[in-house]
PDB file of N, CA and C in Angstrom:
ATOM      1  N   MET A   1     -19.295 -26.438  -8.102  1.00  0.00           N
ATOM      2  CA  MET A   1     -18.522 -25.284  -8.468  1.00  0.00           C
ATOM      3  C   MET A   1     -18.018 -24.616  -7.184  1.00  0.00           C
ATOM      4  N   ASP A   2     -16.726 -24.312  -7.151  1.00  0.00           N
ATOM      5  CA  ASP A   2     -16.117 -23.715  -5.974  1.00  0.00           C
ATOM      6  C   ASP A   2     -16.097 -22.194  -6.112  1.00  0.00           C
ATOM      7  N   HIS A   3     -16.780 -21.520  -5.224  1.00  0.00           N
ATOM      8  CA  HIS A   3     -16.822 -20.058  -5.234  1.00  0.00           C
ATOM      9  C   HIS A   3     -15.989 -19.530  -4.074  1.00  0.00           C
ATOM     10  N   THR A   4     -14.693 -19.391  -4.309  1.00  0.00           N
ATOM     11  CA  THR A   4     -13.836 -18.859  -3.258  1.00  0.00           C
ATOM     12  C   THR A   4     -13.607 -17.377  -3.515  1.00  0.00           C
ATOM     13  N   THR A   5     -13.589 -16.645  -2.457  1.00  0.00           N
ATOM     14  CA  THR A   5     -13.357 -15.215  -2.537  1.00  0.00           C
ATOM     15  C   THR A   5     -12.043 -14.903  -1.844  1.00  0.00           C
ATOM     16  N   GLU A   6     -11.217 -14.145  -2.538  1.00  0.00           N
ATOM     17  CA  GLU A   6      -9.949 -13.736  -1.942  1.00  0.00           C
ATOM     18  C   GLU A   6     -10.226 -12.685  -0.873  1.00  0.00           C
ATOM     19  N   ILE A   7      -9.744 -12.932   0.317  1.00  0.00           N
ATOM     20  CA  ILE A   7      -9.887 -11.977   1.403  1.00  0.00           C
ATOM     21  C   ILE A   7      -8.562 -11.241   1.543  1.00  0.00           C
ATOM     22  N   ARG A   8      -8.610  -9.943   1.326  1.00  0.00           N
ATOM     23  CA  ARG A   8      -7.409  -9.129   1.427  1.00  0.00           C
ATOM     24  C   ARG A   8      -7.462  -8.316   2.711  1.00  0.00           C
ATOM     25  N   PRO A   9      -6.361  -8.251   3.411  1.00  0.00           N
ATOM     26  CA  PRO A   9      -6.341  -7.439   4.631  1.00  0.00           C
ATOM     27  C   PRO A   9      -6.456  -5.962   4.287  1.00  0.00           C
ATOM     28  N   LYS A  10      -7.056  -5.190   5.169  1.00  0.00           N
ATOM     29  CA  LYS A  10      -7.184  -3.751   4.957  1.00  0.00           C
ATOM     30  C   LYS A  10      -5.923  -3.012   5.376  1.00  0.00           C
ATOM     31  N   LEU A  11      -5.131  -3.657   6.226  1.00  0.00           N
ATOM     32  CA  LEU A  11      -3.860  -3.092   6.670  1.00  0.00           C
ATOM     33  C   LEU A  11      -2.751  -4.093   6.391  1.00  0.00           C
ATOM     34  N   VAL A  12      -1.623  -3.595   5.915  1.00  0.00           N
ATOM     35  CA  VAL A  12      -0.463  -4.460   5.685  1.00  0.00           C
ATOM     36  C   VAL A  12       0.737  -3.877   6.420  1.00  0.00           C
ATOM     37  N   THR A  13       1.676  -4.717   6.747  1.00  0.00           N
ATOM     38  CA  THR A  13       2.893  -4.266   7.406  1.00  0.00           C
ATOM     39  C   THR A  13       3.743  -3.467   6.423  1.00  0.00           C
ATOM     40  N   ILE A  14       4.744  -2.800   6.954  1.00  0.00           N
ATOM     41  CA  ILE A  14       5.685  -2.075   6.089  1.00  0.00           C
ATOM     42  C   ILE A  14       6.321  -3.056   5.105  1.00  0.00           C
ATOM     43  N   GLN A  15       6.716  -4.219   5.601  1.00  0.00           N
ATOM     44  CA  GLN A  15       7.325  -5.228   4.722  1.00  0.00           C
ATOM     45  C   GLN A  15       6.339  -5.674   3.650  1.00  0.00           C
ATOM     46  N   GLY A  16       5.080  -5.852   4.030  1.00  0.00           N
ATOM     47  CA  GLY A  16       4.061  -6.224   3.054  1.00  0.00           C
ATOM     48  C   GLY A  16       3.873  -5.156   1.997  1.00  0.00           C
ATOM     49  N   ALA A  17       3.924  -3.893   2.415  1.00  0.00           N
ATOM     50  CA  ALA A  17       3.803  -2.783   1.458  1.00  0.00           C
ATOM     51  C   ALA A  17       4.996  -2.763   0.509  1.00  0.00           C
ATOM     52  N   LEU A  18       6.180  -3.059   1.036  1.00  0.00           N
ATOM     53  CA  LEU A  18       7.375  -3.077   0.188  1.00  0.00           C
ATOM     54  C   LEU A  18       7.314  -4.188  -0.856  1.00  0.00           C
ATOM     55  N   HIS A  19       6.588  -5.248  -0.564  1.00  0.00           N
ATOM     56  CA  HIS A  19       6.406  -6.313  -1.559  1.00  0.00           C
ATOM     57  C   HIS A  19       5.469  -5.865  -2.672  1.00  0.00           C
ATOM     58  N   GLN A  20       4.494  -5.034  -2.335  1.00  0.00           N
ATOM     59  CA  GLN A  20       3.523  -4.578  -3.330  1.00  0.00           C
ATOM     60  C   GLN A  20       4.004  -3.364  -4.113  1.00  0.00           C
ATOM     61  N   VAL A  21       4.749  -2.490  -3.453  1.00  0.00           N
ATOM     62  CA  VAL A  21       5.299  -1.294  -4.086  1.00  0.00           C
ATOM     63  C   VAL A  21       6.814  -1.447  -3.999  1.00  0.00           C
ATOM     64  N   PRO A  22       7.433  -1.970  -5.043  1.00  0.00           N
ATOM     65  CA  PRO A  22       8.854  -2.331  -4.960  1.00  0.00           C
ATOM     66  C   PRO A  22       9.788  -1.121  -4.999  1.00  0.00           C
ATOM     67  N   VAL A  23       9.843  -0.431  -3.860  1.00  0.00           N
ATOM     68  CA  VAL A  23      10.740   0.704  -3.690  1.00  0.00           C
ATOM     69  C   VAL A  23      11.553   0.461  -2.420  1.00  0.00           C
ATOM     70  N   LYS A  24      12.553   1.276  -2.224  1.00  0.00           N
ATOM     71  CA  LYS A  24      13.342   1.190  -0.991  1.00  0.00           C
ATOM     72  C   LYS A  24      12.514   1.735   0.170  1.00  0.00           C
ATOM     73  N   ARG A  25      12.869   1.322   1.355  1.00  0.00           N
ATOM     74  CA  ARG A  25      12.157   1.737   2.567  1.00  0.00           C
ATOM     75  C   ARG A  25      12.118   3.262   2.695  1.00  0.00           C
ATOM     76  N   THR A  26      13.216   3.930   2.365  1.00  0.00           N
ATOM     77  CA  THR A  26      13.273   5.391   2.452  1.00  0.00           C
ATOM     78  C   THR A  26      12.244   6.036   1.526  1.00  0.00           C
ATOM     79  N   LYS A  27      12.111   5.516   0.318  1.00  0.00           N
ATOM     80  CA  LYS A  27      11.126   6.037  -0.637  1.00  0.00           C
ATOM     81  C   LYS A  27       9.713   5.803  -0.109  1.00  0.00           C
ATOM     82  N   LEU A  28       9.473   4.645   0.502  1.00  0.00           N
ATOM     83  CA  LEU A  28       8.157   4.340   1.062  1.00  0.00           C
ATOM     84  C   LEU A  28       7.788   5.383   2.118  1.00  0.00           C
ATOM     85  N   TYR A  29       8.725   5.699   2.994  1.00  0.00           N
ATOM     86  CA  TYR A  29       8.457   6.710   4.020  1.00  0.00           C
ATOM     87  C   TYR A  29       8.259   8.087   3.395  1.00  0.00           C
ATOM     88  N   GLY A  30       8.925   8.343   2.288  1.00  0.00           N
ATOM     89  CA  GLY A  30       8.700   9.589   1.557  1.00  0.00           C
ATOM     90  C   GLY A  30       7.281   9.658   1.002  1.00  0.00           C
ATOM     91  N   LEU A  31       6.750   8.528   0.566  1.00  0.00           N
ATOM     92  CA  LEU A  31       5.372   8.473   0.068  1.00  0.00           C
ATOM     93  C   LEU A  31       4.377   8.732   1.197  1.00  0.00           C
ATOM     94  N   PHE A  32       4.727   8.352   2.416  1.00  0.00           N
ATOM     95  CA  PHE A  32       3.891   8.708   3.575  1.00  0.00           C
ATOM     96  C   PHE A  32       3.915  10.221   3.777  1.00  0.00           C
ATOM     97  N   ASP A  33       5.113  10.799   3.695  1.00  0.00           N
ATOM     98  CA  ASP A  33       5.278  12.232   3.943  1.00  0.00           C
ATOM     99  C   ASP A  33       4.528  13.086   2.924  1.00  0.00           C
ATOM    100  N   THR A  34       4.443  12.617   1.677  1.00  0.00           N
ATOM    101  CA  THR A  34       3.737  13.370   0.639  1.00  0.00           C
ATOM    102  C   THR A  34       2.239  13.074   0.624  1.00  0.00           C
ATOM    103  N   GLY A  35       1.816  12.098   1.426  1.00  0.00           N
ATOM    104  CA  GLY A  35       0.401  11.753   1.479  1.00  0.00           C
ATOM    105  C   GLY A  35      -0.041  10.788   0.395  1.00  0.00           C
ATOM    106  N   GLU A  36       0.906  10.268  -0.381  1.00  0.00           N
ATOM    107  CA  GLU A  36       0.551   9.323  -1.446  1.00  0.00           C
ATOM    108  C   GLU A  36       0.197   7.949  -0.891  1.00  0.00           C
ATOM    109  N   LEU A  37       0.731   7.621   0.274  1.00  0.00           N
ATOM    110  CA  LEU A  37       0.370   6.404   0.991  1.00  0.00           C
ATOM    111  C   LEU A  37      -0.034   6.798   2.409  1.00  0.00           C
ATOM    112  N   THR A  38      -0.925   6.009   2.997  1.00  0.00           N
ATOM    113  CA  THR A  38      -1.414   6.290   4.340  1.00  0.00           C
ATOM    114  C   THR A  38      -0.924   5.219   5.306  1.00  0.00           C
ATOM    115  N   ARG A  39      -0.331   5.677   6.399  1.00  0.00           N
ATOM    116  CA  ARG A  39       0.104   4.734   7.444  1.00  0.00           C
ATOM    117  C   ARG A  39      -0.727   4.967   8.695  1.00  0.00           C
ATOM    118  N   VAL A  40      -0.905   3.908   9.431  1.00  0.00           N
ATOM    119  CA  VAL A  40      -1.604   3.984  10.712  1.00  0.00           C
ATOM    120  C   VAL A  40      -0.774   3.245  11.750  1.00  0.00           C
ATOM    121  N   LYS A  41      -0.893   3.672  12.982  1.00  0.00           N
ATOM    122  CA  LYS A  41      -0.174   3.034  14.082  1.00  0.00           C
ATOM    123  C   LYS A  41      -1.182   2.331  14.976  1.00  0.00           C
ATOM    124  N   ILE A  42      -0.840   1.129  15.370  1.00  0.00           N
ATOM    125  CA  ILE A  42      -1.588   0.394  16.383  1.00  0.00           C
ATOM    126  C   ILE A  42      -0.553   0.021  17.434  1.00  0.00           C
ATOM    127  N   GLY A  43      -0.611   0.729  18.533  1.00  0.00           N
ATOM    128  CA  GLY A  43       0.437   0.563  19.535  1.00  0.00           C
ATOM    129  C   GLY A  43       1.750   1.042  18.948  1.00  0.00           C
ATOM    130  N   THR A  44       2.742   0.181  18.965  1.00  0.00           N
ATOM    131  CA  THR A  44       4.049   0.542  18.406  1.00  0.00           C
ATOM    132  C   THR A  44       4.222   0.071  16.968  1.00  0.00           C
ATOM    133  N   ARG A  45       3.242  -0.651  16.446  1.00  0.00           N
ATOM    134  CA  ARG A  45       3.344  -1.211  15.096  1.00  0.00           C
ATOM    135  C   ARG A  45       2.793  -0.244  14.071  1.00  0.00           C
ATOM    136  N   THR A  46       3.442  -0.206  12.926  1.00  0.00           N
ATOM    137  CA  THR A  46       3.033   0.660  11.819  1.00  0.00           C
ATOM    138  C   THR A  46       2.502  -0.201  10.688  1.00  0.00           C
ATOM    139  N   PHE A  47       1.370   0.217  10.144  1.00  0.00           N
ATOM    140  CA  PHE A  47       0.743  -0.480   9.020  1.00  0.00           C
ATOM    141  C   PHE A  47       0.462   0.522   7.910  1.00  0.00           C
ATOM    142  N   VAL A  48       0.275   0.010   6.707  1.00  0.00           N
ATOM    143  CA  VAL A  48      -0.100   0.814   5.551  1.00  0.00           C
ATOM    144  C   VAL A  48      -1.486   0.362   5.124  1.00  0.00           C
ATOM    145  N   THR A  49      -2.353   1.314   4.797  1.00  0.00           N
ATOM    146  CA  THR A  49      -3.692   0.921   4.368  1.00  0.00           C
ATOM    147  C   THR A  49      -3.623   0.336   2.952  1.00  0.00           C
ATOM    148  N   GLN A  50      -4.293  -0.777   2.769  1.00  0.00           N
ATOM    149  CA  GLN A  50      -4.323  -1.414   1.455  1.00  0.00           C
ATOM    150  C   GLN A  50      -4.992  -0.487   0.447  1.00  0.00           C
ATOM    151  N   GLN A  51      -5.980   0.259   0.903  1.00  0.00           N
ATOM    152  CA  GLN A  51      -6.688   1.194   0.031  1.00  0.00           C
ATOM    153  C   GLN A  51      -5.720   2.229  -0.555  1.00  0.00           C
ATOM    154  N   SER A  52      -4.804   2.745   0.269  1.00  0.00           N
ATOM    155  CA  SER A  52      -3.864   3.742  -0.242  1.00  0.00           C
ATOM    156  C   SER A  52      -2.854   3.114  -1.203  1.00  0.00           C
ATOM    157  N   ILE A  53      -2.473   1.865  -0.962  1.00  0.00           N
ATOM    158  CA  ILE A  53      -1.573   1.169  -1.887  1.00  0.00           C
ATOM    159  C   ILE A  53      -2.269   0.988  -3.234  1.00  0.00           C
ATOM    160  N   ASP A  54      -3.515   0.526  -3.201  1.00  0.00           N
ATOM    161  CA  ASP A  54      -4.272   0.325  -4.436  1.00  0.00           C
ATOM    162  C   ASP A  54      -4.435   1.634  -5.205  1.00  0.00           C
ATOM    163  N   ALA A  55      -4.764   2.719  -4.485  1.00  0.00           N
ATOM    164  CA  ALA A  55      -4.948   4.022  -5.126  1.00  0.00           C
ATOM    165  C   ALA A  55      -3.641   4.526  -5.726  1.00  0.00           C
ATOM    166  N   PHE A  56      -2.539   4.310  -5.029  1.00  0.00           N
ATOM    167  CA  PHE A  56      -1.236   4.736  -5.536  1.00  0.00           C
ATOM    168  C   PHE A  56      -0.888   3.995  -6.823  1.00  0.00           C
ATOM    169  N   ILE A  57      -1.071   2.693  -6.821  1.00  0.00           N
ATOM    170  CA  ILE A  57      -0.778   1.898  -8.022  1.00  0.00           C
ATOM    171  C   ILE A  57      -1.712   2.295  -9.162  1.00  0.00           C
ATOM    172  N   ASP A  58      -2.985   2.534  -8.872  1.00  0.00           N
ATOM    173  CA  ASP A  58      -3.932   2.983  -9.895  1.00  0.00           C
ATOM    174  C   ASP A  58      -3.503   4.319 -10.485  1.00  0.00           C
ATOM    175  N   SER A  59      -2.987   5.240  -9.646  1.00  0.00           N
ATOM    176  CA  SER A  59      -2.554   6.541 -10.143  1.00  0.00           C
ATOM    177  C   SER A  59      -1.334   6.399 -11.055  1.00  0.00           C
ATOM    178  N   LEU A  60      -0.445   5.480 -10.729  1.00  0.00           N
ATOM    179  CA  LEU A  60       0.709   5.237 -11.593  1.00  0.00           C
ATOM    180  C   LEU A  60       0.282   4.662 -12.931  1.00  0.00           C
ATOM    181  N   THR A  61      -0.673   3.750 -12.879  1.00  0.00           N
ATOM    182  CA  THR A  61      -1.180   3.130 -14.102  1.00  0.00           C
ATOM    183  C   THR A  61      -1.867   4.163 -14.979  1.00  0.00           C
ATOM    184  N   ALA A  62      -2.692   5.020 -14.372  1.00  0.00           N
ATOM    185  CA  ALA A  62      -3.396   6.058 -15.115  1.00  0.00           C
ATOM    186  C   ALA A  62      -2.406   7.041 -15.750  1.00  0.00           C
ATOM    187  N   ALA A  63      -1.353   7.410 -15.019  1.00  0.00           N
ATOM    188  CA  ALA A  63      -0.349   8.341 -15.534  1.00  0.00           C
ATOM    189  C   ALA A  63       0.408   7.718 -16.702  1.00  0.00           C
ATOM    190  N   ALA A  64       0.641   6.422 -16.644  1.00  0.00           N
ATOM    191  CA  ALA A  64       1.373   5.746 -17.708  1.00  0.00           C
ATOM    192  C   ALA A  64       0.561   5.667 -18.997  1.00  0.00           C
ATOM    193  N   ARG A  65      -0.750   5.709 -18.870  1.00  0.00           N
ATOM    194  CA  ARG A  65      -1.630   5.614 -20.054  1.00  0.00           C
ATOM    195  C   ARG A  65      -1.786   6.944 -20.782  1.00  0.00           C
ATOM    196  N   LYS A  66      -1.369   8.037 -20.155  1.00  0.00           N
ATOM    197  CA  LYS A  66      -1.523   9.354 -20.780  1.00  0.00           C
ATOM    198  C   LYS A  66      -0.486   9.614 -21.823  1.00  0.00           C
TER     199      LYS A  66
END
């Protein structure tokens, strides 16, 4: 039996975030400004925390169920 575990990165690039949250780049930056998504900088590169993407999608799902 093969027990493989999916390893997900904790940080994704802006492009990676845009694949998961299908919005325009301007809207993505707006989500940073409102605190709905969290970005971090490493040197000159910008990343989005996977945790904030997951929480954002969960909040949308929860709102849709109401």
